[in-house]
């Protein structure tokens, strides 16, 4: 297995961990903004604005990296789907993923 594939398989890049972490961070940031607006604290509003700008930049970077490494991500998702087995929620997730791919019908039929 290549170095990049090991990085994708690590716990840090697990989608559930990423979504939970992003959700907690977004809650904290929006709470700062709400508290700053309610109490009219300019420093909290400035922190909120800078954090929102940082999040925007990070999202743009993630989109660019996702575009450049889309082949690796596609290959890894396909390998994980074969390891999960066929049936249940895994098949549904594979189906949704392949609906969004370029060769949706052919690739989904091959994965089942």
Protein backbone atom coordinates (compact mmCIF):
# COMPACT_ATOMS: atom_id res chain seq x y z
CA UNK A 1 0.00 0.00 0.00
CA UNK A 2 1.29 3.45 -0.84
CA UNK A 3 2.03 6.23 1.58
CA UNK A 4 -1.00 8.25 0.43
CA UNK A 5 -3.36 5.30 0.85
CA UNK A 6 -2.17 4.83 4.43
CA UNK A 7 -2.87 8.50 5.10
CA UNK A 8 -6.39 8.18 3.74
CA UNK A 9 -7.04 5.09 5.87
CA UNK A 10 -5.94 6.76 9.10
CA UNK A 11 -8.35 7.74 11.84
CA UNK A 12 -7.85 11.45 11.20
CA UNK A 13 -9.35 11.18 7.72
CA UNK A 14 -12.27 8.99 8.80
CA UNK A 15 -15.38 10.82 7.54
CA UNK A 16 -17.32 10.42 10.77
CA UNK A 17 -14.49 11.91 12.85
CA UNK A 18 -14.13 14.80 10.41
CA UNK A 19 -17.88 15.56 10.44
CA UNK A 20 -18.12 15.43 14.24
CA UNK A 21 -15.07 17.69 14.61
CA UNK A 22 -16.34 20.20 12.06
CA UNK A 23 -19.76 20.21 13.75
CA UNK A 24 -18.25 20.95 17.16
CA UNK A 25 -16.06 23.72 15.72
CA UNK A 26 -18.99 25.29 13.86
CA UNK A 27 -21.09 25.23 17.03
CA UNK A 28 -18.32 26.98 18.98
CA UNK A 29 -17.81 29.61 16.26
CA UNK A 30 -21.51 30.37 15.87
CA UNK A 31 -21.91 30.51 19.65
CA UNK A 32 -19.15 33.14 19.79
CA UNK A 33 -20.90 35.15 17.09
CA UNK A 34 -24.28 34.90 18.77
CA UNK A 35 -22.87 35.81 22.18
CA UNK A 36 -20.96 38.74 20.68
CA UNK A 37 -24.09 40.02 18.96
CA UNK A 38 -26.30 39.65 22.02
CA UNK A 39 -23.86 41.29 24.43
CA UNK A 40 -22.55 43.78 21.86
CA UNK A 41 -18.96 42.65 22.48
CA UNK A 42 -16.87 43.83 19.55
CA UNK A 43 -13.95 41.54 20.33
CA UNK A 44 -16.17 38.43 20.05
CA UNK A 45 -17.60 39.70 16.79
CA UNK A 46 -14.09 40.27 15.44
CA UNK A 47 -13.05 36.77 16.51
CA UNK A 48 -16.20 35.40 14.85
CA UNK A 49 -15.47 37.25 11.61
CA UNK A 50 -11.84 36.07 11.48
CA UNK A 51 -12.84 32.48 12.25
CA UNK A 52 -15.47 32.56 9.51
CA UNK A 53 -12.85 33.87 7.08
CA UNK A 54 -10.47 31.09 8.16
CA UNK A 55 -13.17 28.48 7.68
CA UNK A 56 -13.90 29.83 4.20
CA UNK A 57 -10.22 29.61 3.25
CA UNK A 58 -9.99 26.06 4.65
CA UNK A 59 -13.04 25.01 2.65
CA UNK A 60 -11.50 26.38 -0.54
CA UNK A 61 -8.24 24.53 0.19
CA UNK A 62 -10.19 21.31 0.90
CA UNK A 63 -12.08 21.66 -2.39
CA UNK A 64 -8.85 22.13 -4.36
CA UNK A 65 -7.20 19.16 -2.62
CA UNK A 66 -10.33 17.07 -3.19
CA UNK A 67 -10.19 17.92 -6.88
CA UNK A 68 -6.51 16.99 -7.24
CA UNK A 69 -6.74 13.78 -5.18
CA UNK A 70 -10.17 12.67 -6.43
CA UNK A 71 -8.71 9.56 -8.05
CA UNK A 72 -7.11 8.42 -4.80
CA UNK A 73 -10.28 9.11 -2.83
CA UNK A 74 -12.40 7.25 -5.39
CA UNK A 75 -10.06 4.25 -5.31
CA UNK A 76 -10.00 4.17 -1.51
CA UNK A 77 -13.79 4.40 -1.22
CA UNK A 78 -14.13 1.56 -3.72
CA UNK A 79 -11.66 -0.59 -1.74
CA UNK A 80 -13.44 0.17 1.55
CA UNK A 81 -16.79 -0.67 0.00
CA UNK A 82 -15.50 -4.09 -1.02
CA UNK A 83 -14.13 -4.65 2.49
CA UNK A 84 -17.43 -3.71 4.15
CA UNK A 85 -19.32 -6.44 2.38
CA UNK A 86 -22.36 -6.35 0.22
CA UNK A 87 -25.68 -5.39 1.71
CA UNK A 88 -27.28 -3.09 4.22
CA UNK A 89 -26.05 0.45 4.72
CA UNK A 90 -22.76 -0.12 2.92
CA UNK A 91 -24.56 -0.84 -0.35
CA UNK A 92 -26.70 2.28 0.07
CA UNK A 93 -23.60 4.46 0.65
CA UNK A 94 -21.87 2.89 -2.35
CA UNK A 95 -24.99 3.51 -4.44
CA UNK A 96 -25.14 7.20 -3.48
CA UNK A 97 -21.40 7.61 -4.14
CA UNK A 98 -21.58 6.02 -7.57
CA UNK A 99 -24.62 8.07 -8.53
CA UNK A 100 -22.35 11.09 -8.26
CA UNK A 101 -19.50 9.57 -10.28
CA UNK A 102 -18.96 9.85 -14.02
CA UNK A 103 -19.54 6.19 -14.86
CA UNK A 104 -22.32 5.67 -12.32
CA UNK A 105 -24.24 2.72 -13.69
CA UNK A 106 -21.28 0.67 -14.90
CA UNK A 107 -19.24 1.12 -11.73
CA UNK A 108 -22.17 0.39 -9.40
CA UNK A 109 -22.99 -2.84 -11.25
CA UNK A 110 -19.34 -3.92 -10.97
CA UNK A 111 -19.25 -3.22 -7.22
CA UNK A 112 -22.26 -5.42 -6.43
